[in-house]
N, C-alpha and C. Protein backbone atom coordinates (compact mmCIF):
# COMPACT_ATOMS: atom_id res chain seq x y z
N MET A 1 -29.38 14.49 -22.92
CA MET A 1 -28.82 13.17 -22.18
C MET A 1 -27.46 13.06 -22.26
N GLU A 2 -26.99 12.72 -20.93
CA GLU A 2 -25.43 12.42 -20.97
C GLU A 2 -24.78 11.31 -21.47
N THR A 3 -23.72 11.58 -22.00
CA THR A 3 -22.96 10.39 -22.81
C THR A 3 -22.11 9.85 -21.61
N ILE A 4 -21.48 8.62 -22.38
CA ILE A 4 -20.38 8.01 -21.27
C ILE A 4 -19.23 9.02 -21.08
N GLU A 5 -18.92 9.75 -21.88
CA GLU A 5 -17.69 10.74 -21.82
C GLU A 5 -18.22 11.56 -20.64
N SER A 6 -19.50 12.20 -20.67
CA SER A 6 -19.61 13.05 -19.78
C SER A 6 -19.94 12.66 -18.44
N HIS A 7 -20.29 11.43 -18.34
CA HIS A 7 -20.33 10.70 -17.06
C HIS A 7 -19.10 10.69 -16.55
N GLY A 8 -18.10 10.09 -17.45
CA GLY A 8 -16.70 9.82 -16.79
C GLY A 8 -16.15 11.29 -16.20
N LEU A 9 -16.20 12.28 -17.01
CA LEU A 9 -15.73 13.57 -16.62
C LEU A 9 -16.50 14.03 -15.19
N ARG A 10 -17.76 13.75 -15.16
CA ARG A 10 -18.24 14.13 -13.86
C ARG A 10 -17.69 13.29 -12.77
N ASP A 11 -17.58 12.21 -12.90
CA ASP A 11 -17.11 11.35 -11.89
C ASP A 11 -15.62 11.59 -11.58
N GLN A 12 -14.80 11.91 -12.61
CA GLN A 12 -13.49 12.16 -12.28
C GLN A 12 -13.44 13.41 -11.44
N GLU A 13 -14.25 14.53 -11.77
CA GLU A 13 -14.30 15.79 -11.09
C GLU A 13 -14.76 15.40 -9.67
N ALA A 14 -15.64 14.73 -9.48
CA ALA A 14 -16.05 14.21 -8.04
C ALA A 14 -14.98 13.70 -7.31
N LEU A 15 -14.40 12.45 -7.87
CA LEU A 15 -13.06 12.06 -7.29
C LEU A 15 -11.82 13.21 -7.12
N TRP A 16 -11.64 14.13 -7.81
CA TRP A 16 -10.65 14.98 -7.53
C TRP A 16 -11.15 16.01 -6.53
N SER A 17 -12.42 16.18 -6.31
CA SER A 17 -12.59 17.05 -5.05
C SER A 17 -12.50 16.05 -3.87
N ALA A 18 -12.86 15.10 -4.03
CA ALA A 18 -12.59 14.07 -2.68
C ALA A 18 -11.40 13.95 -2.36
N PHE A 19 -10.53 13.83 -3.27
CA PHE A 19 -9.01 13.71 -3.07
C PHE A 19 -8.37 14.97 -2.57
N LEU A 20 -8.84 16.09 -2.98
CA LEU A 20 -8.47 17.42 -2.36
C LEU A 20 -8.86 17.53 -1.01
N ALA A 21 -10.09 17.16 -0.47
CA ALA A 21 -10.58 17.31 0.77
C ALA A 21 -9.73 16.30 1.73
N MET A 22 -9.28 15.34 1.33
CA MET A 22 -8.46 14.45 1.98
C MET A 22 -6.75 15.31 2.27
N ALA A 23 -6.59 15.78 1.25
CA ALA A 23 -5.36 16.44 1.32
C ALA A 23 -5.20 17.58 2.11
N ASP A 24 -6.31 18.27 2.29
CA ASP A 24 -6.80 19.49 3.25
C ASP A 24 -6.68 18.82 4.66
N ALA A 25 -7.37 17.71 4.96
CA ALA A 25 -7.35 17.12 6.23
C ALA A 25 -6.18 16.74 6.67
N VAL A 26 -5.14 15.95 5.80
CA VAL A 26 -3.84 15.55 6.10
C VAL A 26 -2.92 16.71 6.40
N VAL A 27 -3.15 18.06 5.62
CA VAL A 27 -2.43 19.26 5.84
C VAL A 27 -2.59 19.73 7.47
N LEU A 28 -3.86 19.79 7.75
CA LEU A 28 -4.23 19.96 9.16
C LEU A 28 -3.70 19.22 10.09
N ALA A 29 -3.85 17.85 9.98
CA ALA A 29 -3.11 16.96 10.83
C ALA A 29 -1.68 17.03 11.20
N VAL A 30 -0.81 17.47 9.99
CA VAL A 30 0.58 17.76 10.21
C VAL A 30 0.65 18.92 11.03
N ARG A 31 -0.19 20.10 10.78
CA ARG A 31 0.04 21.21 11.48
C ARG A 31 -0.45 21.06 12.90
N GLN A 32 -1.24 20.33 13.30
CA GLN A 32 -1.63 19.89 14.66
C GLN A 32 -0.49 19.13 15.28
N GLY A 33 0.03 18.11 14.63
CA GLY A 33 1.14 17.32 15.13
C GLY A 33 2.39 18.06 15.41
N VAL A 34 2.62 19.41 14.58
CA VAL A 34 3.79 20.09 14.76
C VAL A 34 3.39 21.06 15.88
N GLU A 35 2.22 21.38 16.20
CA GLU A 35 1.68 22.31 17.30
C GLU A 35 1.99 21.36 18.64
N ALA A 36 1.54 20.13 18.57
CA ALA A 36 1.62 19.35 19.62
C ALA A 36 3.02 19.14 20.12
N LEU A 37 4.09 18.98 19.21
CA LEU A 37 5.34 18.70 19.54
C LEU A 37 5.94 19.97 19.77
N CYS A 38 5.85 21.07 19.05
CA CYS A 38 6.48 22.32 19.33
C CYS A 38 6.20 23.29 20.46
N GLU A 39 4.63 23.11 20.70
CA GLU A 39 4.11 24.06 21.57
C GLU A 39 3.54 23.09 22.75
N GLY A 40 3.51 21.93 22.96
CA GLY A 40 3.19 21.26 23.88
C GLY A 40 1.46 21.09 23.81
N ARG A 41 1.02 21.39 22.82
CA ARG A 41 -0.65 21.21 22.80
C ARG A 41 -1.10 19.86 22.72
N ILE A 42 -1.13 19.21 23.64
CA ILE A 42 -1.42 17.91 23.57
C ILE A 42 -2.89 17.54 23.47
N GLU A 43 -3.60 18.74 23.69
CA GLU A 43 -5.35 18.55 23.41
C GLU A 43 -5.39 18.29 22.03
N LEU A 44 -4.44 18.31 21.10
CA LEU A 44 -4.62 18.20 19.66
C LEU A 44 -4.40 16.72 19.17
N VAL A 45 -3.68 15.92 20.11
CA VAL A 45 -3.46 14.62 19.76
C VAL A 45 -4.56 13.69 19.38
N SER A 46 -5.53 13.73 20.14
CA SER A 46 -6.71 12.90 19.63
C SER A 46 -7.19 13.46 18.12
N ALA A 47 -7.34 14.49 17.91
CA ALA A 47 -7.65 15.00 16.44
C ALA A 47 -6.63 14.63 15.38
N VAL A 48 -5.40 14.33 15.68
CA VAL A 48 -4.54 13.98 14.81
C VAL A 48 -4.85 12.57 14.52
N GLY A 49 -5.18 11.81 15.72
CA GLY A 49 -5.36 10.43 15.60
C GLY A 49 -6.61 10.12 14.68
N ASP A 50 -7.53 10.97 14.93
CA ASP A 50 -8.77 10.89 14.20
C ASP A 50 -8.49 10.95 12.63
N ALA A 51 -7.89 11.88 12.44
CA ALA A 51 -7.42 12.26 11.18
C ALA A 51 -6.61 11.04 10.19
N GLU A 52 -5.72 10.46 11.17
CA GLU A 52 -4.91 9.32 10.71
C GLU A 52 -6.04 8.21 10.37
N GLU A 53 -6.81 7.87 11.20
CA GLU A 53 -7.84 7.01 10.89
C GLU A 53 -8.79 7.34 9.57
N ARG A 54 -9.07 8.41 9.62
CA ARG A 54 -10.05 8.97 8.42
C ARG A 54 -9.22 8.88 7.05
N SER A 55 -7.78 9.29 7.16
CA SER A 55 -7.00 9.24 5.81
C SER A 55 -6.76 7.87 5.14
N ASP A 56 -6.79 6.83 6.29
CA ASP A 56 -6.83 5.35 5.91
C ASP A 56 -8.00 4.91 5.07
N ARG A 57 -9.19 5.29 5.72
CA ARG A 57 -10.42 5.15 4.86
C ARG A 57 -10.52 5.90 3.47
N ASP A 58 -9.98 7.07 3.70
CA ASP A 58 -10.23 7.76 2.34
C ASP A 58 -9.40 7.41 1.23
N GLU A 59 -8.18 6.80 1.80
CA GLU A 59 -7.21 6.33 0.69
C GLU A 59 -7.89 5.01 -0.01
N HIS A 60 -8.54 4.15 0.85
CA HIS A 60 -9.23 2.89 0.24
C HIS A 60 -10.24 3.30 -0.60
N GLN A 61 -10.93 4.27 -0.21
CA GLN A 61 -12.34 4.60 -1.07
C GLN A 61 -11.91 5.27 -2.36
N ILE A 62 -10.80 6.14 -2.26
CA ILE A 62 -10.31 6.70 -3.62
C ILE A 62 -9.61 5.78 -4.33
N GLU A 63 -8.94 5.07 -3.90
CA GLU A 63 -8.39 3.90 -4.77
C GLU A 63 -9.53 3.20 -5.47
N GLY A 64 -10.49 2.66 -4.77
CA GLY A 64 -11.51 1.85 -5.25
C GLY A 64 -12.32 2.57 -6.31
N GLU A 65 -12.41 4.01 -6.04
CA GLU A 65 -13.18 4.91 -7.24
C GLU A 65 -12.17 5.23 -8.37
N CYS A 66 -10.90 5.22 -8.26
CA CYS A 66 -10.24 5.16 -9.27
C CYS A 66 -10.12 4.05 -10.10
N LEU A 67 -10.07 2.94 -9.77
CA LEU A 67 -10.15 1.56 -10.56
C LEU A 67 -11.51 1.48 -11.11
N ARG A 68 -12.52 1.87 -10.48
CA ARG A 68 -13.89 1.83 -11.18
C ARG A 68 -13.75 2.88 -12.52
N ILE A 69 -13.38 3.90 -12.40
CA ILE A 69 -13.38 4.99 -13.37
C ILE A 69 -12.57 4.23 -14.47
N LEU A 70 -11.26 3.82 -14.21
CA LEU A 70 -10.55 3.18 -15.18
C LEU A 70 -11.25 1.88 -15.91
N ALA A 71 -11.89 1.34 -15.18
CA ALA A 71 -12.76 -0.09 -15.68
C ALA A 71 -13.92 0.69 -16.62
N LEU A 72 -14.60 1.53 -16.18
CA LEU A 72 -15.73 1.85 -16.99
C LEU A 72 -15.46 2.84 -18.01
N TYR A 73 -14.59 3.68 -18.04
CA TYR A 73 -14.62 4.82 -18.96
C TYR A 73 -13.37 4.80 -19.85
N GLU A 74 -12.46 3.89 -19.72
CA GLU A 74 -11.12 4.05 -20.31
C GLU A 74 -10.79 5.28 -20.73
N PRO A 75 -10.21 5.98 -19.76
CA PRO A 75 -9.75 7.32 -20.01
C PRO A 75 -8.64 7.58 -20.89
N VAL A 76 -8.43 8.73 -21.49
CA VAL A 76 -7.29 8.98 -22.30
C VAL A 76 -6.15 9.49 -21.51
N ALA A 77 -5.11 9.73 -22.26
CA ALA A 77 -3.76 9.72 -21.57
C ALA A 77 -3.59 10.97 -20.64
N SER A 78 -4.21 12.17 -20.83
CA SER A 78 -4.33 13.09 -19.81
C SER A 78 -5.12 12.64 -18.53
N ASP A 79 -6.18 12.01 -18.79
CA ASP A 79 -7.11 11.69 -17.68
C ASP A 79 -6.35 10.36 -17.09
N LEU A 80 -5.66 9.59 -17.66
CA LEU A 80 -4.76 8.69 -16.91
C LEU A 80 -3.67 9.04 -16.02
N ARG A 81 -3.03 10.12 -16.48
CA ARG A 81 -2.09 10.98 -15.64
C ARG A 81 -2.80 11.40 -14.28
N ARG A 82 -3.98 11.97 -14.48
CA ARG A 82 -4.70 12.65 -13.37
C ARG A 82 -4.96 11.48 -12.39
N LEU A 83 -5.50 10.33 -12.80
CA LEU A 83 -5.82 9.29 -12.00
C LEU A 83 -4.57 8.71 -11.51
N ALA A 84 -3.52 8.36 -12.12
CA ALA A 84 -2.24 7.86 -11.59
C ALA A 84 -1.77 8.87 -10.34
N THR A 85 -1.95 10.23 -10.74
CA THR A 85 -1.60 11.13 -9.42
C THR A 85 -2.49 10.92 -8.29
N ILE A 86 -3.76 10.81 -8.58
CA ILE A 86 -4.59 10.49 -7.41
C ILE A 86 -4.23 9.38 -6.58
N LEU A 87 -4.08 8.08 -7.40
CA LEU A 87 -3.75 7.19 -6.52
C LEU A 87 -2.30 7.06 -5.85
N LYS A 88 -1.30 7.67 -6.65
CA LYS A 88 0.00 7.59 -5.76
C LYS A 88 -0.28 8.73 -4.78
N VAL A 89 -0.44 9.96 -4.94
CA VAL A 89 -0.73 11.12 -3.94
C VAL A 89 -1.66 10.87 -2.73
N SER A 90 -2.60 9.99 -3.07
CA SER A 90 -3.47 9.67 -1.87
C SER A 90 -2.62 8.74 -0.86
N ARG A 91 -1.89 7.78 -1.55
CA ARG A 91 -1.14 6.93 -0.48
C ARG A 91 -0.08 7.72 0.05
N ASP A 92 0.63 8.76 -0.37
CA ASP A 92 1.61 9.57 0.13
C ASP A 92 0.80 10.44 1.40
N CYS A 93 -0.34 10.89 0.91
CA CYS A 93 -1.21 11.60 2.17
C CYS A 93 -1.52 10.70 3.32
N GLU A 94 -2.00 9.40 3.12
CA GLU A 94 -2.16 8.65 4.10
C GLU A 94 -0.92 8.21 5.05
N ARG A 95 0.31 8.17 4.27
CA ARG A 95 1.38 7.93 5.15
C ARG A 95 1.95 9.30 5.82
N ILE A 96 1.56 10.50 5.26
CA ILE A 96 1.81 11.68 6.00
C ILE A 96 1.16 11.64 7.22
N ALA A 97 -0.31 11.51 7.12
CA ALA A 97 -0.92 11.47 8.22
C ALA A 97 -0.73 10.42 9.34
N ASP A 98 -0.24 9.31 8.95
CA ASP A 98 0.31 8.35 9.95
C ASP A 98 1.54 8.86 10.53
N ARG A 99 2.43 9.70 9.82
CA ARG A 99 3.54 10.17 10.49
C ARG A 99 3.23 11.34 11.42
N ALA A 100 2.20 12.00 11.09
CA ALA A 100 1.68 12.96 11.87
C ALA A 100 1.24 12.53 13.19
N ASP A 101 0.65 11.39 13.15
CA ASP A 101 -0.02 10.85 14.30
C ASP A 101 1.18 10.32 15.28
N ARG A 102 1.93 9.85 14.70
CA ARG A 102 3.21 9.39 15.38
C ARG A 102 3.90 10.43 16.14
N ILE A 103 4.18 11.49 15.29
CA ILE A 103 4.72 12.59 16.24
C ILE A 103 3.91 13.22 17.28
N ALA A 104 2.71 13.30 17.03
CA ALA A 104 1.44 13.70 17.92
C ALA A 104 1.74 12.84 19.39
N ARG A 105 1.71 11.44 18.99
CA ARG A 105 1.67 10.55 20.21
C ARG A 105 2.80 10.74 20.97
N ARG A 106 4.05 10.87 20.38
CA ARG A 106 5.21 11.08 20.99
C ARG A 106 5.31 12.34 21.77
N ALA A 107 4.74 13.36 21.28
CA ALA A 107 4.60 14.64 22.07
C ALA A 107 3.88 14.55 23.38
N ARG A 108 2.79 13.65 23.24
CA ARG A 108 1.92 13.37 24.43
C ARG A 108 2.75 12.64 25.34
N LYS A 109 3.54 11.67 24.94
CA LYS A 109 4.32 10.74 25.80
C LYS A 109 5.09 11.63 26.57
N ILE A 110 5.98 12.52 25.99
CA ILE A 110 6.90 13.36 26.56
C ILE A 110 6.31 14.27 27.57
N ALA A 111 5.06 14.75 27.13
CA ALA A 111 4.42 15.67 28.28
C ALA A 111 4.00 15.03 29.43
N ARG A 112 3.53 13.89 29.29
CA ARG A 112 2.87 13.11 30.30
C ARG A 112 3.98 12.52 31.20
N ASN A 113 5.14 11.86 30.68
CA ASN A 113 6.11 11.38 31.55
C ASN A 113 7.23 12.19 31.95
N TRP A 114 7.58 13.34 31.38
CA TRP A 114 8.53 14.49 31.79
C TRP A 114 8.02 15.73 31.74
N GLY A 115 6.95 16.17 31.49
CA GLY A 115 6.50 17.46 31.56
C GLY A 115 7.27 18.48 30.51
N PRO A 116 7.53 19.57 30.75
CA PRO A 116 8.07 20.74 29.80
C PRO A 116 9.54 20.45 29.86
N ILE A 117 10.10 20.22 28.59
CA ILE A 117 11.45 19.76 28.43
C ILE A 117 12.00 20.75 27.24
N GLU A 118 13.15 21.30 27.20
CA GLU A 118 13.60 22.12 25.95
C GLU A 118 13.69 21.37 24.54
N LEU A 119 13.26 21.72 23.75
CA LEU A 119 13.35 20.96 22.49
C LEU A 119 14.77 20.83 21.94
N PRO A 120 15.22 19.85 21.44
CA PRO A 120 16.45 19.78 20.86
C PRO A 120 16.89 20.72 19.78
N VAL A 121 18.04 21.18 19.69
CA VAL A 121 18.42 22.17 18.72
C VAL A 121 18.09 21.77 17.28
N GLY A 122 17.26 22.73 16.71
CA GLY A 122 16.92 22.36 15.43
C GLY A 122 15.63 21.75 15.10
N LEU A 123 15.13 21.06 16.06
CA LEU A 123 13.93 20.38 15.88
C LEU A 123 12.52 21.11 15.40
N ALA A 124 12.66 22.28 16.42
CA ALA A 124 11.32 23.26 15.88
C ALA A 124 11.49 23.83 14.48
N PRO A 125 12.72 24.24 14.01
CA PRO A 125 12.68 24.89 12.50
C PRO A 125 12.61 23.58 11.62
N MET A 126 13.03 22.59 11.88
CA MET A 126 12.84 21.41 11.20
C MET A 126 11.29 21.01 11.01
N ALA A 127 10.69 20.92 11.96
CA ALA A 127 9.17 20.61 12.01
C ALA A 127 8.62 21.71 11.26
N ARG A 128 8.65 22.90 11.37
CA ARG A 128 8.13 24.00 10.60
C ARG A 128 8.39 24.08 9.25
N GLU A 129 9.57 23.68 8.76
CA GLU A 129 10.03 23.60 7.54
C GLU A 129 9.29 22.26 6.78
N ALA A 130 9.16 21.18 7.45
CA ALA A 130 8.33 20.04 7.05
C ALA A 130 6.83 20.38 6.78
N LEU A 131 6.30 21.18 7.62
CA LEU A 131 4.99 21.56 7.67
C LEU A 131 4.85 22.46 6.22
N ALA A 132 5.66 23.34 6.15
CA ALA A 132 5.70 24.38 4.94
C ALA A 132 5.75 23.50 3.71
N MET A 133 6.53 22.56 3.70
CA MET A 133 6.50 21.70 2.55
C MET A 133 5.17 20.89 1.99
N VAL A 134 4.76 20.56 3.05
CA VAL A 134 3.38 19.74 2.96
C VAL A 134 2.42 20.73 2.51
N GLU A 135 2.11 22.09 3.00
CA GLU A 135 1.47 23.05 2.74
C GLU A 135 1.57 23.52 1.30
N GLU A 136 2.96 23.60 0.88
CA GLU A 136 3.15 23.92 -0.49
C GLU A 136 2.71 22.89 -1.59
N ALA A 137 3.03 21.47 -1.10
CA ALA A 137 2.40 20.66 -1.94
C ALA A 137 0.89 20.75 -2.14
N ARG A 138 0.21 21.07 -1.13
CA ARG A 138 -1.36 21.05 -1.42
C ARG A 138 -1.69 22.34 -2.25
N VAL A 139 -0.94 23.38 -2.02
CA VAL A 139 -1.28 24.32 -2.87
C VAL A 139 -0.98 23.92 -4.34
N LEU A 140 0.13 23.04 -4.61
CA LEU A 140 0.50 23.09 -6.07
C LEU A 140 -0.50 21.88 -6.76
N LEU A 141 -1.19 21.34 -5.81
CA LEU A 141 -2.24 20.35 -6.49
C LEU A 141 -3.31 21.18 -7.11
N ASP A 142 -3.55 22.52 -6.67
CA ASP A 142 -4.31 23.38 -7.48
C ASP A 142 -3.53 24.30 -8.59
N ALA A 143 -2.44 24.54 -8.13
CA ALA A 143 -1.76 25.55 -8.94
C ALA A 143 -1.05 24.95 -10.20
N HIS A 144 -0.86 23.58 -10.26
CA HIS A 144 -0.06 22.87 -11.45
C HIS A 144 1.07 23.81 -11.90
N ASN A 145 1.95 23.97 -10.98
CA ASN A 145 3.06 24.59 -11.36
C ASN A 145 4.37 23.97 -11.29
N PRO A 146 4.96 23.41 -12.39
CA PRO A 146 5.96 22.36 -12.28
C PRO A 146 7.32 23.06 -11.92
N ARG A 147 7.45 24.53 -12.24
CA ARG A 147 8.72 25.04 -11.66
C ARG A 147 8.76 25.03 -9.94
N ARG A 148 7.61 25.50 -9.46
CA ARG A 148 7.55 25.53 -7.88
C ARG A 148 7.54 23.96 -7.47
N ALA A 149 6.99 23.10 -8.22
CA ALA A 149 7.05 21.63 -7.84
C ALA A 149 8.66 21.05 -7.76
N ARG A 150 9.38 21.43 -8.46
CA ARG A 150 10.90 21.21 -8.55
C ARG A 150 11.35 21.94 -7.45
N ALA A 151 11.10 22.99 -7.34
CA ALA A 151 11.62 23.72 -6.17
C ALA A 151 11.40 23.02 -4.68
N LEU A 152 10.13 22.53 -4.89
CA LEU A 152 9.90 21.65 -3.60
C LEU A 152 10.63 20.53 -3.35
N ILE A 153 11.01 19.87 -4.48
CA ILE A 153 11.63 18.70 -4.37
C ILE A 153 13.00 18.93 -3.74
N ALA A 154 13.54 20.07 -4.40
CA ALA A 154 14.76 20.35 -3.76
C ALA A 154 15.04 20.83 -2.63
N ALA A 155 13.89 21.28 -1.87
CA ALA A 155 13.77 21.71 -0.53
C ALA A 155 13.98 20.70 0.36
N ASP A 156 13.50 19.42 -0.05
CA ASP A 156 13.77 18.18 0.81
C ASP A 156 15.21 18.00 1.19
N GLN A 157 16.22 18.64 0.48
CA GLN A 157 17.64 18.32 0.98
C GLN A 157 17.96 19.08 2.25
N ALA A 158 17.19 20.29 2.39
CA ALA A 158 17.47 21.15 3.46
C ALA A 158 16.85 20.37 4.90
N ILE A 159 15.79 19.72 4.64
CA ILE A 159 15.26 18.98 5.85
C ILE A 159 16.21 17.86 6.07
N ASP A 160 16.68 17.23 5.09
CA ASP A 160 17.81 16.20 5.57
C ASP A 160 18.97 16.78 6.34
N LEU A 161 19.37 17.95 5.88
CA LEU A 161 20.42 18.51 6.96
C LEU A 161 20.00 18.90 8.33
N ARG A 162 18.75 19.50 8.26
CA ARG A 162 18.20 19.59 9.49
C ARG A 162 18.35 18.44 10.42
N TYR A 163 17.70 17.29 9.85
CA TYR A 163 17.69 15.91 10.58
C TYR A 163 19.06 15.57 11.04
N ARG A 164 19.98 15.73 10.27
CA ARG A 164 21.45 15.47 10.74
C ARG A 164 21.78 16.16 11.83
N GLU A 165 21.45 17.52 11.74
CA GLU A 165 21.85 18.46 12.88
C GLU A 165 21.09 17.97 14.12
N VAL A 166 19.86 17.84 14.03
CA VAL A 166 18.90 17.29 15.19
C VAL A 166 19.54 15.90 15.74
N ARG A 167 20.14 15.10 14.80
CA ARG A 167 20.47 13.56 15.41
C ARG A 167 21.91 14.10 16.09
N ARG A 168 22.59 14.94 15.65
CA ARG A 168 23.99 15.44 16.38
C ARG A 168 23.59 15.83 17.53
N ALA A 169 22.78 16.67 17.78
CA ALA A 169 22.38 17.45 19.04
C ALA A 169 21.69 16.39 20.08
N LEU A 170 21.01 15.51 19.64
CA LEU A 170 20.49 14.55 20.49
C LEU A 170 21.43 13.63 20.95
N LYS A 171 22.30 13.21 20.08
CA LYS A 171 23.39 12.28 20.59
C LYS A 171 24.13 12.84 21.70
N ALA A 172 24.41 14.32 21.45
CA ALA A 172 25.20 14.96 22.47
C ALA A 172 24.38 15.19 23.88
N ARG A 173 23.10 15.19 23.81
CA ARG A 173 22.20 15.34 24.99
C ARG A 173 22.31 13.66 25.65
N ILE A 174 22.23 12.69 24.78
CA ILE A 174 22.09 11.45 25.49
C ILE A 174 23.41 11.20 26.17
N VAL A 175 24.77 11.71 25.66
CA VAL A 175 25.95 11.60 26.52
C VAL A 175 25.94 12.47 27.63
N GLU A 176 25.51 13.58 27.75
CA GLU A 176 25.41 14.66 28.68
C GLU A 176 24.41 14.25 29.71
N GLU A 177 23.37 13.79 29.25
CA GLU A 177 22.04 13.53 29.97
C GLU A 177 21.41 12.17 29.73
N ALA A 178 22.25 11.06 30.26
CA ALA A 178 21.89 9.77 30.03
C ALA A 178 20.68 9.38 30.64
N ASP A 179 20.53 10.05 31.87
CA ASP A 179 19.24 9.60 32.81
C ASP A 179 17.87 10.08 31.99
N HIS A 180 18.14 10.82 30.78
CA HIS A 180 16.81 11.41 29.97
C HIS A 180 17.03 10.55 28.67
N LEU A 181 17.67 9.30 28.79
CA LEU A 181 17.87 8.62 27.44
C LEU A 181 16.50 8.45 26.59
N GLU A 182 15.29 8.07 27.26
CA GLU A 182 14.17 7.85 26.67
C GLU A 182 13.52 8.86 26.22
N VAL A 183 13.34 10.04 26.75
CA VAL A 183 12.94 11.14 26.14
C VAL A 183 13.82 11.88 25.11
N TRP A 184 15.12 11.67 24.89
CA TRP A 184 15.80 12.04 23.64
C TRP A 184 15.46 11.02 22.63
N LEU A 185 15.28 9.56 22.92
CA LEU A 185 14.83 8.76 21.91
C LEU A 185 13.35 9.01 21.24
N GLN A 186 12.69 9.44 22.08
CA GLN A 186 11.38 9.98 21.70
C GLN A 186 11.43 11.33 20.57
N TYR A 187 12.17 12.35 21.04
CA TYR A 187 12.57 13.20 19.99
C TYR A 187 13.24 12.66 18.85
N LEU A 188 14.09 12.03 18.99
CA LEU A 188 14.82 11.34 17.85
C LEU A 188 13.76 10.63 16.90
N GLY A 189 12.70 9.92 17.50
CA GLY A 189 11.66 9.46 16.52
C GLY A 189 10.92 10.37 15.96
N ALA A 190 10.54 11.48 16.55
CA ALA A 190 9.76 12.58 15.90
C ALA A 190 10.57 13.17 14.83
N ALA A 191 11.82 13.31 15.05
CA ALA A 191 12.75 14.09 14.04
C ALA A 191 12.55 12.90 12.81
N ARG A 192 12.68 11.72 12.88
CA ARG A 192 12.73 10.95 11.90
C ARG A 192 11.32 10.97 10.89
N ASN A 193 10.35 11.20 11.78
CA ASN A 193 9.05 11.16 11.27
C ASN A 193 8.82 12.52 10.45
N LEU A 194 9.43 13.58 10.90
CA LEU A 194 9.36 14.72 10.31
C LEU A 194 9.91 14.47 8.89
N GLU A 195 11.21 13.93 8.86
CA GLU A 195 12.15 13.80 7.71
C GLU A 195 11.33 12.94 6.66
N ARG A 196 10.67 11.92 7.10
CA ARG A 196 9.64 11.20 6.21
C ARG A 196 8.70 11.96 5.63
N ILE A 197 8.02 12.87 6.52
CA ILE A 197 6.93 13.63 5.83
C ILE A 197 7.34 14.60 4.69
N ALA A 198 8.55 15.21 4.98
CA ALA A 198 9.13 15.84 4.03
C ALA A 198 9.52 14.96 2.77
N ASP A 199 9.82 13.93 3.01
CA ASP A 199 10.34 12.97 1.73
C ASP A 199 8.72 12.84 0.82
N HIS A 200 7.80 12.42 1.65
CA HIS A 200 6.55 12.21 0.98
C HIS A 200 5.83 13.49 0.28
N ALA A 201 6.15 14.58 0.89
CA ALA A 201 5.92 16.13 0.20
C ALA A 201 6.83 16.01 -1.11
N ALA A 202 8.05 15.84 -1.04
CA ALA A 202 8.88 15.76 -2.28
C ALA A 202 8.00 14.89 -3.30
N GLU A 203 7.76 13.70 -3.08
CA GLU A 203 7.14 12.69 -3.85
C GLU A 203 5.86 13.29 -4.49
N ILE A 204 5.23 14.00 -3.56
CA ILE A 204 3.85 14.51 -4.31
C ILE A 204 4.31 15.75 -5.40
N ALA A 205 5.29 16.50 -5.11
CA ALA A 205 5.69 17.20 -5.84
C ALA A 205 6.31 16.74 -7.52
N ARG A 206 6.57 15.50 -7.16
CA ARG A 206 7.21 14.92 -8.43
C ARG A 206 6.09 14.36 -9.22
N MET A 207 4.78 13.86 -8.32
CA MET A 207 3.59 13.71 -9.28
C MET A 207 3.17 14.99 -9.89
N ILE A 208 3.20 15.99 -9.20
CA ILE A 208 2.62 17.21 -10.01
C ILE A 208 3.51 17.51 -11.31
N VAL A 209 4.75 17.41 -11.08
CA VAL A 209 5.46 17.57 -12.45
C VAL A 209 4.77 16.58 -13.49
N PHE A 210 4.94 15.14 -13.03
CA PHE A 210 4.38 14.21 -13.93
C PHE A 210 2.88 14.62 -14.38
N LEU A 211 2.02 15.03 -13.81
CA LEU A 211 0.58 15.40 -14.01
C LEU A 211 0.73 16.37 -15.10
N ASP A 212 1.56 17.40 -15.03
CA ASP A 212 1.60 18.48 -16.07
C ASP A 212 2.35 18.27 -17.14
N GLU A 213 3.29 17.52 -17.04
CA GLU A 213 4.35 17.44 -18.06
C GLU A 213 4.43 16.00 -18.67
N GLY A 214 4.07 15.00 -17.76
CA GLY A 214 4.24 13.73 -18.36
C GLY A 214 5.60 13.18 -18.12
N VAL A 215 6.71 13.70 -17.24
CA VAL A 215 7.55 13.03 -16.91
C VAL A 215 7.92 12.91 -15.57
N PHE A 216 8.81 12.41 -15.04
CA PHE A 216 9.13 12.29 -13.46
C PHE A 216 10.66 13.03 -13.49
N PRO A 217 10.56 13.89 -12.42
CA PRO A 217 12.00 14.46 -12.28
C PRO A 217 12.81 13.33 -11.49
N GLY A 218 14.32 13.43 -11.49
CA GLY A 218 14.90 12.53 -10.98
C GLY A 218 14.69 12.10 -9.65
N VAL A 219 14.56 10.67 -9.28
CA VAL A 219 14.32 10.23 -8.12
C VAL A 219 15.71 9.96 -7.08
N ARG A 220 15.45 10.24 -5.94
CA ARG A 220 16.42 10.12 -5.04
C ARG A 220 17.08 8.96 -5.06
N GLY A 221 18.57 8.71 -4.71
CA GLY A 221 18.92 7.54 -4.45
C GLY A 221 19.09 7.01 -3.24
């Protein structure tokens, strides 16, 4: 006969599995968004949009299940950290999916309205580095490696530098090719969304440190 404790553990494991499935789908959405932007694969845009809608539903379902477990089972400290991590990271995942969708839609708009246009300097490396951060964050949800999580937090600074480089390059293009103002603004918006994706990946890394050590690394100012 199962006890309340065993029921609670079983429900937590099921929740964790659903949470990881959401994270996997979000990583794929970012990868597809980056491919749409950097490789012109606009056939992926609808899939990214579907993933964004699904992530919104998943976040609400996961939040509801977390609250149900908290109310029913009164989990102990380590389980509370796990539930807090799920709540926070699922929100970050939903926001990452939203940013990936915005990037993909911008890529489609550029392709439809202007055709093949050379990417601004630094944008493709920035996109791939942001994707790598999201992929690493997903790995760390399984690996539980605070040292690597702290390295991932530090990696966000490189994305910030890339973003500033892209902005400078785009400002120069705006001056030189003002007739393409709208397309440069579309690329600027894509770069901003990539920067925010990296921020969310760093926030996930902070929660991984909290999950394993019970402390939060320094928060950005």
